[in-house]
C-alpha atoms as a PDB file:
ATOM      1  CA  MET A   1       0.328  -0.029   0.120  1.00  0.00           C
ATOM      2  CA  THR A   2       1.487   3.329  -0.878  1.00  0.00           C
ATOM      3  CA  ASP A   3       1.561   6.670   0.818  1.00  0.00           C
ATOM      4  CA  LEU A   4      -0.844   9.324  -1.105  1.00  0.00           C
ATOM      5  CA  PRO A   5      -0.734  12.754  -0.136  1.00  0.00           C
ATOM      6  CA  GLU A   6      -3.892  14.072   1.133  1.00  0.00           C
ATOM      7  CA  GLY A   7      -5.857  16.591  -0.784  1.00  0.00           C
ATOM      8  CA  PHE A   8      -6.071  17.207  -4.422  1.00  0.00           C
ATOM      9  CA  SER A   9      -3.249  18.072  -6.580  1.00  0.00           C
ATOM     10  CA  PRO A  10      -3.494  21.452  -8.174  1.00  0.00           C
ATOM     11  CA  LEU A  11      -4.028  19.697 -11.513  1.00  0.00           C
ATOM     12  CA  ALA A  12      -6.709  18.253 -10.240  1.00  0.00           C
ATOM     13  CA  LYS A  13      -8.094  21.376  -8.557  1.00  0.00           C
ATOM     14  CA  VAL A  14      -8.146  23.031 -12.221  1.00  0.00           C
ATOM     15  CA  GLY A  15      -9.501  20.112 -13.821  1.00  0.00           C
ATOM     16  CA  LEU A  16     -12.509  19.905 -11.546  1.00  0.00           C
ATOM     17  CA  SER A  17     -13.079  23.336 -11.869  1.00  0.00           C
ATOM     18  CA  VAL A  18     -12.981  23.430 -15.455  1.00  0.00           C
ATOM     19  CA  LEU A  19     -15.640  20.512 -15.368  1.00  0.00           C
ATOM     20  CA  ALA A  20     -17.778  22.273 -12.903  1.00  0.00           C
ATOM     21  CA  VAL A  21     -17.960  25.444 -15.331  1.00  0.00           C
ATOM     22  CA  ALA A  22     -18.289  23.085 -18.500  1.00  0.00           C
ATOM     23  CA  ALA A  23     -21.318  21.729 -16.722  1.00  0.00           C
ATOM     24  CA  LEU A  24     -22.765  24.549 -15.317  1.00  0.00           C
ATOM     25  CA  THR A  25     -22.552  26.163 -18.971  1.00  0.00           C
ATOM     26  CA  TRP A  26     -23.948  23.296 -20.648  1.00  0.00           C
ATOM     27  CA  PHE A  27     -26.986  23.436 -18.337  1.00  0.00           C
ATOM     28  CA  LEU A  28     -27.672  27.336 -19.112  1.00  0.00           C
ATOM     29  CA  VAL A  29     -27.512  26.680 -22.459  1.00  0.00           C
ATOM     30  CA  SER A  30     -29.698  23.635 -22.424  1.00  0.00           C
ATOM     31  CA  TRP A  31     -32.176  25.499 -20.122  1.00  0.00           C
ATOM     32  CA  LEU A  32     -32.119  29.161 -21.286  1.00  0.00           C
ATOM     33  CA  VAL A  33     -30.613  29.165 -24.860  1.00  0.00           C
ATOM     34  CA  LEU A  34     -32.227  25.769 -26.499  1.00  0.00           C
ATOM     35  CA  HIS A  35     -35.397  26.092 -24.328  1.00  0.00           C
ATOM     36  CA  SER A  36     -35.363  22.545 -22.852  1.00  0.00           C
ATOM     37  CA  PRO A  37     -37.516  21.889 -19.961  1.00  0.00           C
ATOM     38  CA  LEU A  38     -35.751  22.389 -16.780  1.00  0.00           C
ATOM     39  CA  THR A  39     -35.746  18.606 -15.763  1.00  0.00           C
ATOM     40  CA  ASP A  40     -34.607  17.652 -19.312  1.00  0.00           C
ATOM     41  CA  ALA A  41     -31.519  20.193 -18.856  1.00  0.00           C
ATOM     42  CA  ILE A  42     -30.575  18.649 -15.588  1.00  0.00           C
ATOM     43  CA  GLY A  43     -30.881  15.237 -17.152  1.00  0.00           C
ATOM     44  CA  GLU A  44     -28.568  15.903 -19.681  1.00  0.00           C
ATOM     45  CA  THR A  45     -25.937  17.710 -17.388  1.00  0.00           C
ATOM     46  CA  ALA A  46     -26.015  14.877 -15.139  1.00  0.00           C
ATOM     47  CA  GLY A  47     -25.855  12.381 -17.941  1.00  0.00           C
ATOM     48  CA  SER A  48     -22.858  14.273 -19.808  1.00  0.00           C
ATOM     49  CA  LEU A  49     -21.365  14.465 -16.171  1.00  0.00           C
ATOM     50  CA  THR A  50     -21.535  10.627 -15.615  1.00  0.00           C
ATOM     51  CA  ALA A  51     -20.012  10.218 -19.398  1.00  0.00           C
ATOM     52  CA  VAL A  52     -16.745  12.418 -18.637  1.00  0.00           C
ATOM     53  CA  LEU A  53     -16.316  10.785 -15.044  1.00  0.00           C
ATOM     54  CA  LEU A  54     -16.690   7.245 -16.789  1.00  0.00           C
ATOM     55  CA  VAL A  55     -13.733   8.266 -19.312  1.00  0.00           C
ATOM     56  CA  VAL A  56     -11.702   9.989 -16.537  1.00  0.00           C
ATOM     57  CA  SER A  57     -12.234   6.762 -14.425  1.00  0.00           C
ATOM     58  CA  VAL A  58     -11.140   4.609 -17.491  1.00  0.00           C
ATOM     59  CA  ILE A  59      -7.976   6.601 -18.198  1.00  0.00           C
ATOM     60  CA  GLY A  60      -6.723   6.567 -14.537  1.00  0.00           C
ATOM     61  CA  MET A  61      -7.250   2.864 -14.384  1.00  0.00           C
ATOM     62  CA  ALA A  62      -5.155   2.416 -17.566  1.00  0.00           C
ATOM     63  CA  GLY A  63      -2.681   4.408 -16.220  1.00  0.00           C
ATOM     64  CA  GLU A  64      -2.581   2.188 -13.087  1.00  0.00           C
ATOM     65  CA  ALA A  65      -2.125  -0.921 -15.211  1.00  0.00           C
ATOM     66  CA  ASP A  66       1.307   0.582 -16.193  1.00  0.00           C
END
């Protein structure tokens, strides 16, 4: 078992910030610009975030295998 530092790295903090801004932007565009119902806009945002997190997880596991 390796000792991991506590907290997030600066790169992880930047990545999370970018992801949060992108999700909020996607929600607002879907709801206000494309006039999707509120529940649909929330669902689209949640689905997009799930897909992005899945890709990040797969890439992270591929990096662990090396």
